[in-house]
Amino acid sequence: MSIAQGLLLLGVLVLVVIGAYFVAMGVRRNQLRRTLGTFKSALQNRQNRWTKVICRYGDHRLDVLRLFSVSPIPVMKLQRPDIEVLGWEPSENVGGRLPADWVVVNLKNREESLRLAMSYGDYTGLASWVEAGPVAGMGTWRQSPSN
């Protein structure tokens, strides 16, 4: 086998690996978007940039997963009793690349402030989910699981 054939084979292999990565990312993204208990959102990072994410409700936590990734591991896990909804504002107030019909939700997770952008319908669902649990200290359901 000549050097040219070896380089061609290596190039084809690299293209196959890159293609497989994008296919896996698309399959994961489709699966997450079609799963019940998920909603599209954007998370503002420390540099004030918005990252597209998918949020997934659980019994005791809200998982935040990157939209463009193949990793099944959430980038953030917000425990339900630690989340406090501080309010919302229209997305036009913050500028950037957010859809005009979205709202920016200000959250507090323990002592950390977070900003999530989402549709108003998703905001009402999130606020209802946070408020639906019993008050902390009143029973054991709302307390964070030990693991």
C-alpha atoms as a PDB file:
ATOM      1  CA  MET A   1       0.000   0.000   0.000  1.00  0.00           C
ATOM      2  CA  SER A   2       1.376   3.401  -0.960  1.00  0.00           C
ATOM      3  CA  ILE A   3       1.483   6.504   1.218  1.00  0.00           C
ATOM      4  CA  ALA A   4      -1.300   8.139  -0.812  1.00  0.00           C
ATOM      5  CA  GLN A   5      -3.596   5.161  -0.273  1.00  0.00           C
ATOM      6  CA  GLY A   6      -2.789   5.150   3.454  1.00  0.00           C
ATOM      7  CA  LEU A   7      -3.613   8.851   3.747  1.00  0.00           C
ATOM      8  CA  LEU A   8      -6.823   8.358   1.796  1.00  0.00           C
ATOM      9  CA  LEU A   9      -7.835   5.496   4.080  1.00  0.00           C
ATOM     10  CA  LEU A  10      -7.017   7.597   7.152  1.00  0.00           C
ATOM     11  CA  GLY A  11      -9.074  10.501   5.772  1.00  0.00           C
ATOM     12  CA  VAL A  12     -12.055   8.243   5.123  1.00  0.00           C
ATOM     13  CA  LEU A  13     -11.765   6.805   8.630  1.00  0.00           C
ATOM     14  CA  VAL A  14     -11.705  10.296  10.166  1.00  0.00           C
ATOM     15  CA  LEU A  15     -14.792  11.286   8.150  1.00  0.00           C
ATOM     16  CA  VAL A  16     -16.628   8.132   9.275  1.00  0.00           C
ATOM     17  CA  VAL A  17     -15.823   8.864  12.933  1.00  0.00           C
ATOM     18  CA  ILE A  18     -16.950  12.492  12.607  1.00  0.00           C
ATOM     19  CA  GLY A  19     -20.125  11.401  10.810  1.00  0.00           C
ATOM     20  CA  ALA A  20     -20.880   8.804  13.495  1.00  0.00           C
ATOM     21  CA  TYR A  21     -20.435  11.474  16.184  1.00  0.00           C
ATOM     22  CA  PHE A  22     -22.927  13.812  14.498  1.00  0.00           C
ATOM     23  CA  VAL A  23     -25.417  10.983  13.946  1.00  0.00           C
ATOM     24  CA  ALA A  24     -25.143   9.981  17.623  1.00  0.00           C
ATOM     25  CA  MET A  25     -25.614  13.607  18.673  1.00  0.00           C
ATOM     26  CA  GLY A  26     -28.709  13.923  16.474  1.00  0.00           C
ATOM     27  CA  VAL A  27     -30.229  10.690  17.773  1.00  0.00           C
ATOM     28  CA  ARG A  28     -29.638  11.755  21.396  1.00  0.00           C
ATOM     29  CA  ARG A  29     -31.076  15.220  20.744  1.00  0.00           C
ATOM     30  CA  ASN A  30     -34.188  13.772  19.091  1.00  0.00           C
ATOM     31  CA  GLN A  31     -34.676  11.260  21.877  1.00  0.00           C
ATOM     32  CA  LEU A  32     -34.358  13.923  24.575  1.00  0.00           C
ATOM     33  CA  ARG A  33     -36.750  16.325  22.850  1.00  0.00           C
ATOM     34  CA  ARG A  34     -39.407  13.621  22.488  1.00  0.00           C
ATOM     35  CA  THR A  35     -39.150  12.370  26.079  1.00  0.00           C
ATOM     36  CA  LEU A  36     -41.928  13.376  28.460  1.00  0.00           C
ATOM     37  CA  GLY A  37     -40.807  15.717  31.215  1.00  0.00           C
ATOM     38  CA  THR A  38     -38.291  17.640  29.104  1.00  0.00           C
ATOM     39  CA  PHE A  39     -38.290  21.159  27.729  1.00  0.00           C
ATOM     40  CA  LYS A  40     -35.997  23.298  25.583  1.00  0.00           C
ATOM     41  CA  SER A  41     -34.153  26.033  27.387  1.00  0.00           C
ATOM     42  CA  ALA A  42     -31.014  28.154  27.365  1.00  0.00           C
ATOM     43  CA  LEU A  43     -28.639  28.540  30.306  1.00  0.00           C
ATOM     44  CA  GLN A  44     -26.651  31.734  30.810  1.00  0.00           C
ATOM     45  CA  ASN A  45     -23.032  30.978  31.685  1.00  0.00           C
ATOM     46  CA  ARG A  46     -20.567  33.098  33.667  1.00  0.00           C
ATOM     47  CA  GLN A  47     -19.495  34.950  30.509  1.00  0.00           C
ATOM     48  CA  ASN A  48     -23.147  36.028  29.952  1.00  0.00           C
ATOM     49  CA  ARG A  49     -23.470  33.775  26.901  1.00  0.00           C
ATOM     50  CA  TRP A  50     -26.452  31.532  26.354  1.00  0.00           C
ATOM     51  CA  THR A  51     -25.986  27.778  25.893  1.00  0.00           C
ATOM     52  CA  LYS A  52     -28.837  25.701  24.466  1.00  0.00           C
ATOM     53  CA  VAL A  53     -29.869  22.993  26.906  1.00  0.00           C
ATOM     54  CA  ILE A  54     -32.637  20.485  27.541  1.00  0.00           C
ATOM     55  CA  CYS A  55     -34.055  20.355  31.052  1.00  0.00           C
ATOM     56  CA  ARG A  56     -35.480  17.083  32.342  1.00  0.00           C
ATOM     57  CA  TYR A  57     -37.773  16.781  35.342  1.00  0.00           C
ATOM     58  CA  GLY A  58     -37.168  14.017  37.874  1.00  0.00           C
ATOM     59  CA  ASP A  59     -38.870  13.247  41.174  1.00  0.00           C
ATOM     60  CA  HIS A  60     -36.332  15.132  43.259  1.00  0.00           C
ATOM     61  CA  ARG A  61     -34.236  17.087  40.784  1.00  0.00           C
ATOM     62  CA  LEU A  62     -34.063  18.980  37.508  1.00  0.00           C
ATOM     63  CA  ASP A  63     -31.324  17.753  35.165  1.00  0.00           C
ATOM     64  CA  VAL A  64     -29.803  20.235  32.725  1.00  0.00           C
ATOM     65  CA  LEU A  65     -28.265  18.559  29.653  1.00  0.00           C
ATOM     66  CA  ARG A  66     -26.429  20.178  26.755  1.00  0.00           C
ATOM     67  CA  LEU A  67     -28.434  20.133  23.540  1.00  0.00           C
ATOM     68  CA  PHE A  68     -25.420  19.579  21.277  1.00  0.00           C
ATOM     69  CA  SER A  69     -23.580  16.724  22.973  1.00  0.00           C
ATOM     70  CA  VAL A  70     -23.460  12.939  23.005  1.00  0.00           C
ATOM     71  CA  SER A  71     -22.935  12.728  26.767  1.00  0.00           C
ATOM     72  CA  PRO A  72     -25.876  11.378  28.799  1.00  0.00           C
ATOM     73  CA  ILE A  73     -24.476  13.057  31.922  1.00  0.00           C
ATOM     74  CA  PRO A  74     -26.212  16.307  32.955  1.00  0.00           C
ATOM     75  CA  VAL A  75     -24.026  19.404  33.170  1.00  0.00           C
ATOM     76  CA  MET A  76     -26.043  20.469  36.188  1.00  0.00           C
ATOM     77  CA  LYS A  77     -28.348  18.721  38.651  1.00  0.00           C
ATOM     78  CA  LEU A  78     -30.637  21.033  40.585  1.00  0.00           C
ATOM     79  CA  GLN A  79     -32.183  19.435  43.673  1.00  0.00           C
ATOM     80  CA  ARG A  80     -35.875  20.286  43.906  1.00  0.00           C
ATOM     81  CA  PRO A  81     -35.890  21.536  47.516  1.00  0.00           C
ATOM     82  CA  ASP A  82     -32.921  23.832  46.773  1.00  0.00           C
ATOM     83  CA  ILE A  83     -34.545  25.616  43.795  1.00  0.00           C
ATOM     84  CA  GLU A  84     -36.216  28.965  44.358  1.00  0.00           C
ATOM     85  CA  VAL A  85     -37.947  30.774  41.476  1.00  0.00           C
ATOM     86  CA  LEU A  86     -37.239  34.494  41.863  1.00  0.00           C
ATOM     87  CA  GLY A  87     -39.242  35.711  38.856  1.00  0.00           C
ATOM     88  CA  TRP A  88     -39.016  36.241  35.127  1.00  0.00           C
ATOM     89  CA  GLU A  89     -38.540  38.955  32.536  1.00  0.00           C
ATOM     90  CA  PRO A  90     -39.169  39.114  28.778  1.00  0.00           C
ATOM     91  CA  SER A  91     -36.257  37.927  26.648  1.00  0.00           C
ATOM     92  CA  GLU A  92     -36.201  41.259  24.787  1.00  0.00           C
ATOM     93  CA  ASN A  93     -34.780  42.861  27.940  1.00  0.00           C
ATOM     94  CA  VAL A  94     -31.575  40.809  27.798  1.00  0.00           C
ATOM     95  CA  GLY A  95     -30.843  40.929  24.068  1.00  0.00           C
ATOM     96  CA  GLY A  96     -28.827  38.171  22.494  1.00  0.00           C
ATOM     97  CA  ARG A  97     -30.011  35.257  20.435  1.00  0.00           C
ATOM     98  CA  LEU A  98     -33.106  34.212  22.342  1.00  0.00           C
ATOM     99  CA  PRO A  99     -36.490  33.712  20.711  1.00  0.00           C
ATOM    100  CA  ALA A 100     -38.738  36.748  21.164  1.00  0.00           C
ATOM    101  CA  ASP A 101     -41.521  34.734  22.817  1.00  0.00           C
ATOM    102  CA  TRP A 102     -39.250  33.298  25.538  1.00  0.00           C
ATOM    103  CA  VAL A 103     -38.853  34.567  29.079  1.00  0.00           C
ATOM    104  CA  VAL A 104     -35.715  34.694  31.211  1.00  0.00           C
ATOM    105  CA  VAL A 105     -36.275  32.998  34.557  1.00  0.00           C
ATOM    106  CA  ASN A 106     -34.170  33.994  37.541  1.00  0.00           C
ATOM    107  CA  LEU A 107     -33.514  31.044  39.846  1.00  0.00           C
ATOM    108  CA  LYS A 108     -31.633  30.521  43.051  1.00  0.00           C
ATOM    109  CA  ASN A 109     -30.090  27.109  43.673  1.00  0.00           C
ATOM    110  CA  ARG A 110     -28.796  27.139  47.243  1.00  0.00           C
ATOM    111  CA  GLU A 111     -26.635  30.271  47.139  1.00  0.00           C
ATOM    112  CA  GLU A 112     -25.996  30.252  43.379  1.00  0.00           C
ATOM    113  CA  SER A 113     -27.996  32.490  41.046  1.00  0.00           C
ATOM    114  CA  LEU A 114     -28.977  31.014  37.677  1.00  0.00           C
ATOM    115  CA  ARG A 115     -30.731  32.331  34.605  1.00  0.00           C
ATOM    116  CA  LEU A 116     -32.667  30.011  32.323  1.00  0.00           C
ATOM    117  CA  ALA A 117     -34.493  31.179  29.206  1.00  0.00           C
ATOM    118  CA  MET A 118     -37.553  29.208  28.085  1.00  0.00           C
ATOM    119  CA  SER A 119     -41.036  29.603  26.672  1.00  0.00           C
ATOM    120  CA  TYR A 120     -43.649  31.062  29.016  1.00  0.00           C
ATOM    121  CA  GLY A 121     -45.524  27.741  29.023  1.00  0.00           C
ATOM    122  CA  ASP A 122     -42.369  25.930  30.130  1.00  0.00           C
ATOM    123  CA  TYR A 123     -41.856  28.581  32.820  1.00  0.00           C
ATOM    124  CA  THR A 124     -45.318  27.943  34.261  1.00  0.00           C
ATOM    125  CA  GLY A 125     -44.580  24.214  34.262  1.00  0.00           C
ATOM    126  CA  LEU A 126     -41.254  24.753  36.043  1.00  0.00           C
ATOM    127  CA  ALA A 127     -42.777  27.081  38.639  1.00  0.00           C
ATOM    128  CA  SER A 128     -45.605  24.598  39.277  1.00  0.00           C
ATOM    129  CA  TRP A 129     -43.153  21.704  39.597  1.00  0.00           C
ATOM    130  CA  VAL A 130     -41.013  23.619  42.113  1.00  0.00           C
ATOM    131  CA  GLU A 131     -44.041  24.698  44.161  1.00  0.00           C
ATOM    132  CA  ALA A 132     -45.806  21.317  44.030  1.00  0.00           C
ATOM    133  CA  GLY A 133     -43.607  19.628  46.621  1.00  0.00           C
ATOM    134  CA  PRO A 134     -44.379  19.943  50.323  1.00  0.00           C
ATOM    135  CA  VAL A 135     -42.599  22.651  52.267  1.00  0.00           C
ATOM    136  CA  ALA A 136     -39.097  21.665  53.367  1.00  0.00           C
ATOM    137  CA  GLY A 137     -39.172  20.238  56.863  1.00  0.00           C
ATOM    138  CA  MET A 138     -42.781  19.049  56.554  1.00  0.00           C
ATOM    139  CA  GLY A 139     -42.387  15.342  55.847  1.00  0.00           C
ATOM    140  CA  THR A 140     -39.633  13.587  53.976  1.00  0.00           C
ATOM    141  CA  TRP A 141     -40.785  13.715  50.344  1.00  0.00           C
ATOM    142  CA  ARG A 142     -39.406  17.168  49.555  1.00  0.00           C
ATOM    143  CA  GLN A 143     -36.057  16.531  51.225  1.00  0.00           C
ATOM    144  CA  SER A 144     -33.163  15.664  48.941  1.00  0.00           C
ATOM    145  CA  PRO A 145     -32.494  11.950  48.590  1.00  0.00           C
ATOM    146  CA  SER A 146     -29.398  10.783  50.437  1.00  0.00           C
ATOM    147  CA  ASN A 147     -27.602   9.573  47.280  1.00  0.00           C
END
